[in-house]
Amino acid sequence: MAEGLDDAVAGNWDGLTVVGAAKVDAAIRRHGGLPVTQTGALDLAKQLDAGQLIWGQVLNDSRIRATLYDVSTGERSNEVGLE
């Protein structure tokens, strides 16, 4: 599933520029691993100078939820679910 999600977020989303995978991987290594909380993900996004963050959750085998956050405020601006 992770590879499919990686492909799904590659490129641009209606005005959102996606940070390159190599840059994200390097930041994750510096951070000591993947963030496990929304706060940790927002902190990592700030380190990458991102304006917005898409933070997702796997709800079960066939459902995920993705939420778009404003990195500077931490406020949620949109949310979608996929089944």
N, C-alpha and C. Protein backbone atom coordinates (compact mmCIF):
# COMPACT_ATOMS: atom_id res chain seq x y z
N MET A 1 0.81 -1.19 0.00
CA MET A 1 0.00 0.00 0.00
C MET A 1 0.86 1.26 0.00
N ALA A 2 2.00 1.26 0.71
CA ALA A 2 2.83 2.45 0.81
C ALA A 2 3.32 2.91 -0.55
N GLU A 3 3.71 1.97 -1.42
CA GLU A 3 4.17 2.35 -2.75
C GLU A 3 3.06 3.03 -3.53
N GLY A 4 1.85 2.53 -3.44
CA GLY A 4 0.72 3.13 -4.13
C GLY A 4 0.44 4.53 -3.62
N LEU A 5 0.55 4.73 -2.31
CA LEU A 5 0.35 6.06 -1.74
C LEU A 5 1.44 7.01 -2.19
N ASP A 6 2.67 6.51 -2.24
CA ASP A 6 3.79 7.33 -2.69
C ASP A 6 3.55 7.80 -4.12
N ASP A 7 3.09 6.91 -4.98
CA ASP A 7 2.77 7.28 -6.36
C ASP A 7 1.63 8.29 -6.42
N ALA A 8 0.65 8.12 -5.52
CA ALA A 8 -0.52 8.99 -5.53
C ALA A 8 -0.18 10.43 -5.16
N VAL A 9 0.84 10.63 -4.32
CA VAL A 9 1.17 11.99 -3.89
C VAL A 9 2.31 12.61 -4.68
N ALA A 10 2.88 11.90 -5.64
CA ALA A 10 3.97 12.45 -6.43
C ALA A 10 3.46 13.58 -7.31
N GLY A 11 4.26 14.65 -7.42
CA GLY A 11 3.89 15.76 -8.29
C GLY A 11 3.13 16.85 -7.57
N ASN A 12 2.22 17.50 -8.28
CA ASN A 12 1.47 18.62 -7.73
C ASN A 12 0.01 18.25 -7.54
N TRP A 13 -0.62 18.87 -6.57
CA TRP A 13 -2.05 18.71 -6.28
C TRP A 13 -2.68 20.08 -6.31
N ASP A 14 -3.29 20.46 -7.38
CA ASP A 14 -4.03 21.73 -7.45
C ASP A 14 -3.35 22.84 -6.68
N GLY A 15 -2.15 23.19 -7.06
CA GLY A 15 -1.44 24.28 -6.41
C GLY A 15 -0.56 23.87 -5.25
N LEU A 16 -0.60 22.60 -4.84
CA LEU A 16 0.28 22.12 -3.77
C LEU A 16 1.50 21.47 -4.41
N THR A 17 2.67 21.94 -4.05
CA THR A 17 3.89 21.31 -4.55
C THR A 17 4.33 20.27 -3.52
N VAL A 18 4.58 19.08 -3.98
CA VAL A 18 4.99 17.99 -3.10
C VAL A 18 6.51 18.03 -2.92
N VAL A 19 6.97 17.96 -1.67
CA VAL A 19 8.40 17.94 -1.38
C VAL A 19 8.95 16.61 -1.88
N GLY A 20 10.11 16.65 -2.52
CA GLY A 20 10.71 15.46 -3.09
C GLY A 20 11.01 14.38 -2.06
N ALA A 21 10.88 13.13 -2.48
CA ALA A 21 11.06 11.99 -1.58
C ALA A 21 12.45 11.96 -0.95
N ALA A 22 13.49 12.29 -1.71
CA ALA A 22 14.86 12.27 -1.16
C ALA A 22 15.02 13.29 -0.04
N LYS A 23 14.43 14.46 -0.21
CA LYS A 23 14.50 15.50 0.81
C LYS A 23 13.73 15.08 2.07
N VAL A 24 12.57 14.47 1.88
CA VAL A 24 11.78 13.99 3.01
C VAL A 24 12.51 12.87 3.73
N ASP A 25 13.06 11.91 2.98
CA ASP A 25 13.79 10.80 3.57
C ASP A 25 14.97 11.29 4.42
N ALA A 26 15.70 12.29 3.92
CA ALA A 26 16.83 12.84 4.67
C ALA A 26 16.35 13.49 5.96
N ALA A 27 15.25 14.22 5.90
CA ALA A 27 14.70 14.86 7.10
C ALA A 27 14.24 13.82 8.12
N ILE A 28 13.64 12.75 7.64
CA ILE A 28 13.18 11.67 8.53
C ILE A 28 14.39 11.02 9.22
N ARG A 29 15.47 10.80 8.49
CA ARG A 29 16.68 10.23 9.09
C ARG A 29 17.23 11.16 10.17
N ARG A 30 17.29 12.47 9.88
CA ARG A 30 17.78 13.44 10.86
C ARG A 30 16.87 13.47 12.09
N HIS A 31 15.59 13.27 11.87
CA HIS A 31 14.59 13.29 12.95
C HIS A 31 14.68 12.03 13.81
N GLY A 32 15.27 10.97 13.27
CA GLY A 32 15.39 9.72 14.01
C GLY A 32 14.31 8.71 13.69
N GLY A 33 13.55 8.97 12.64
CA GLY A 33 12.50 8.05 12.22
C GLY A 33 11.24 8.81 11.85
N LEU A 34 10.25 8.05 11.40
CA LEU A 34 8.98 8.65 11.01
C LEU A 34 8.27 9.26 12.21
N PRO A 35 7.66 10.43 12.02
CA PRO A 35 6.87 10.98 13.13
C PRO A 35 5.63 10.12 13.35
N VAL A 36 5.24 9.98 14.60
CA VAL A 36 4.07 9.15 14.93
C VAL A 36 2.90 9.99 15.43
N THR A 37 3.13 11.30 15.59
CA THR A 37 2.06 12.19 16.03
C THR A 37 1.89 13.32 15.04
N GLN A 38 0.74 13.95 15.08
CA GLN A 38 0.48 15.11 14.23
C GLN A 38 1.48 16.23 14.54
N THR A 39 1.78 16.45 15.81
CA THR A 39 2.74 17.48 16.20
C THR A 39 4.12 17.19 15.63
N GLY A 40 4.54 15.92 15.70
CA GLY A 40 5.83 15.53 15.13
C GLY A 40 5.86 15.73 13.62
N ALA A 41 4.76 15.41 12.95
CA ALA A 41 4.69 15.60 11.50
C ALA A 41 4.74 17.08 11.14
N LEU A 42 4.05 17.91 11.91
CA LEU A 42 4.08 19.36 11.66
C LEU A 42 5.48 19.92 11.89
N ASP A 43 6.17 19.44 12.93
CA ASP A 43 7.55 19.89 13.18
C ASP A 43 8.46 19.52 12.02
N LEU A 44 8.31 18.30 11.52
CA LEU A 44 9.11 17.86 10.38
C LEU A 44 8.79 18.70 9.14
N ALA A 45 7.52 18.99 8.93
CA ALA A 45 7.12 19.83 7.79
C ALA A 45 7.73 21.23 7.89
N LYS A 46 7.81 21.76 9.10
CA LYS A 46 8.44 23.08 9.30
C LYS A 46 9.91 23.03 8.92
N GLN A 47 10.60 21.93 9.30
CA GLN A 47 12.01 21.77 8.95
C GLN A 47 12.21 21.75 7.44
N LEU A 48 11.20 21.27 6.72
CA LEU A 48 11.26 21.19 5.25
C LEU A 48 10.75 22.47 4.59
N ASP A 49 10.43 23.49 5.40
CA ASP A 49 9.89 24.75 4.90
C ASP A 49 8.60 24.55 4.11
N ALA A 50 7.82 23.57 4.51
CA ALA A 50 6.54 23.31 3.84
C ALA A 50 5.49 24.28 4.37
N GLY A 51 4.59 24.68 3.51
CA GLY A 51 3.49 25.53 3.91
C GLY A 51 2.29 24.74 4.38
N GLN A 52 2.16 23.53 3.82
CA GLN A 52 1.03 22.67 4.17
C GLN A 52 1.53 21.23 4.32
N LEU A 53 0.76 20.45 5.07
CA LEU A 53 1.12 19.06 5.36
C LEU A 53 -0.10 18.18 5.14
N ILE A 54 0.09 17.09 4.46
CA ILE A 54 -0.95 16.07 4.36
C ILE A 54 -0.55 14.96 5.33
N TRP A 55 -1.39 14.73 6.35
CA TRP A 55 -1.13 13.72 7.37
C TRP A 55 -2.22 12.67 7.25
N GLY A 56 -1.83 11.43 7.09
CA GLY A 56 -2.82 10.38 6.85
C GLY A 56 -2.85 9.33 7.93
N GLN A 57 -3.98 8.64 7.97
CA GLN A 57 -4.16 7.53 8.89
C GLN A 57 -4.74 6.35 8.14
N VAL A 58 -4.23 5.16 8.42
CA VAL A 58 -4.82 3.94 7.90
C VAL A 58 -5.83 3.49 8.95
N LEU A 59 -7.11 3.47 8.56
CA LEU A 59 -8.17 3.14 9.52
C LEU A 59 -8.42 1.64 9.60
N ASN A 60 -8.29 0.94 8.48
CA ASN A 60 -8.37 -0.51 8.45
C ASN A 60 -7.80 -0.98 7.11
N ASP A 61 -8.01 -2.23 6.74
CA ASP A 61 -7.40 -2.77 5.52
C ASP A 61 -7.80 -2.04 4.25
N SER A 62 -8.93 -1.37 4.25
CA SER A 62 -9.39 -0.77 3.00
C SER A 62 -9.75 0.72 3.12
N ARG A 63 -9.49 1.35 4.25
CA ARG A 63 -9.85 2.75 4.43
C ARG A 63 -8.67 3.57 4.94
N ILE A 64 -8.46 4.73 4.33
CA ILE A 64 -7.49 5.70 4.83
C ILE A 64 -8.15 7.06 4.91
N ARG A 65 -7.61 7.90 5.76
CA ARG A 65 -8.08 9.28 5.87
C ARG A 65 -6.85 10.19 5.76
N ALA A 66 -6.96 11.24 4.97
CA ALA A 66 -5.88 12.20 4.81
C ALA A 66 -6.41 13.59 5.15
N THR A 67 -5.63 14.32 5.95
CA THR A 67 -6.02 15.66 6.39
C THR A 67 -4.94 16.64 5.97
N LEU A 68 -5.37 17.78 5.43
CA LEU A 68 -4.46 18.85 5.02
C LEU A 68 -4.38 19.88 6.14
N TYR A 69 -3.16 20.19 6.58
CA TYR A 69 -2.94 21.15 7.66
C TYR A 69 -2.12 22.33 7.16
N ASP A 70 -2.38 23.49 7.72
CA ASP A 70 -1.54 24.67 7.53
C ASP A 70 -0.38 24.49 8.52
N VAL A 71 0.84 24.44 8.02
CA VAL A 71 1.99 24.14 8.88
C VAL A 71 2.24 25.25 9.89
N SER A 72 2.06 26.51 9.51
CA SER A 72 2.37 27.61 10.43
C SER A 72 1.40 27.69 11.60
N THR A 73 0.14 27.30 11.40
CA THR A 73 -0.85 27.41 12.47
C THR A 73 -1.25 26.06 13.05
N GLY A 74 -1.02 24.98 12.32
CA GLY A 74 -1.46 23.66 12.74
C GLY A 74 -2.94 23.41 12.52
N GLU A 75 -3.62 24.39 11.90
CA GLU A 75 -5.06 24.25 11.67
C GLU A 75 -5.36 23.33 10.49
N ARG A 76 -6.43 22.55 10.64
CA ARG A 76 -6.89 21.65 9.57
C ARG A 76 -7.66 22.47 8.55
N SER A 77 -7.32 22.25 7.26
CA SER A 77 -8.03 23.00 6.22
C SER A 77 -8.88 22.13 5.32
N ASN A 78 -8.62 20.81 5.32
CA ASN A 78 -9.43 19.89 4.50
C ASN A 78 -9.17 18.47 4.95
N GLU A 79 -10.14 17.59 4.68
CA GLU A 79 -9.97 16.19 5.03
C GLU A 79 -10.71 15.34 4.01
N VAL A 80 -10.09 14.23 3.61
CA VAL A 80 -10.73 13.30 2.69
C VAL A 80 -10.52 11.88 3.19
N GLY A 81 -11.45 11.02 2.84
CA GLY A 81 -11.33 9.61 3.15
C GLY A 81 -11.38 8.80 1.87
N LEU A 82 -10.63 7.73 1.83
CA LEU A 82 -10.59 6.84 0.66
C LEU A 82 -10.91 5.43 1.11
N GLU A 83 -11.70 4.75 0.30
CA GLU A 83 -12.02 3.35 0.60
C GLU A 83 -11.65 2.48 -0.57
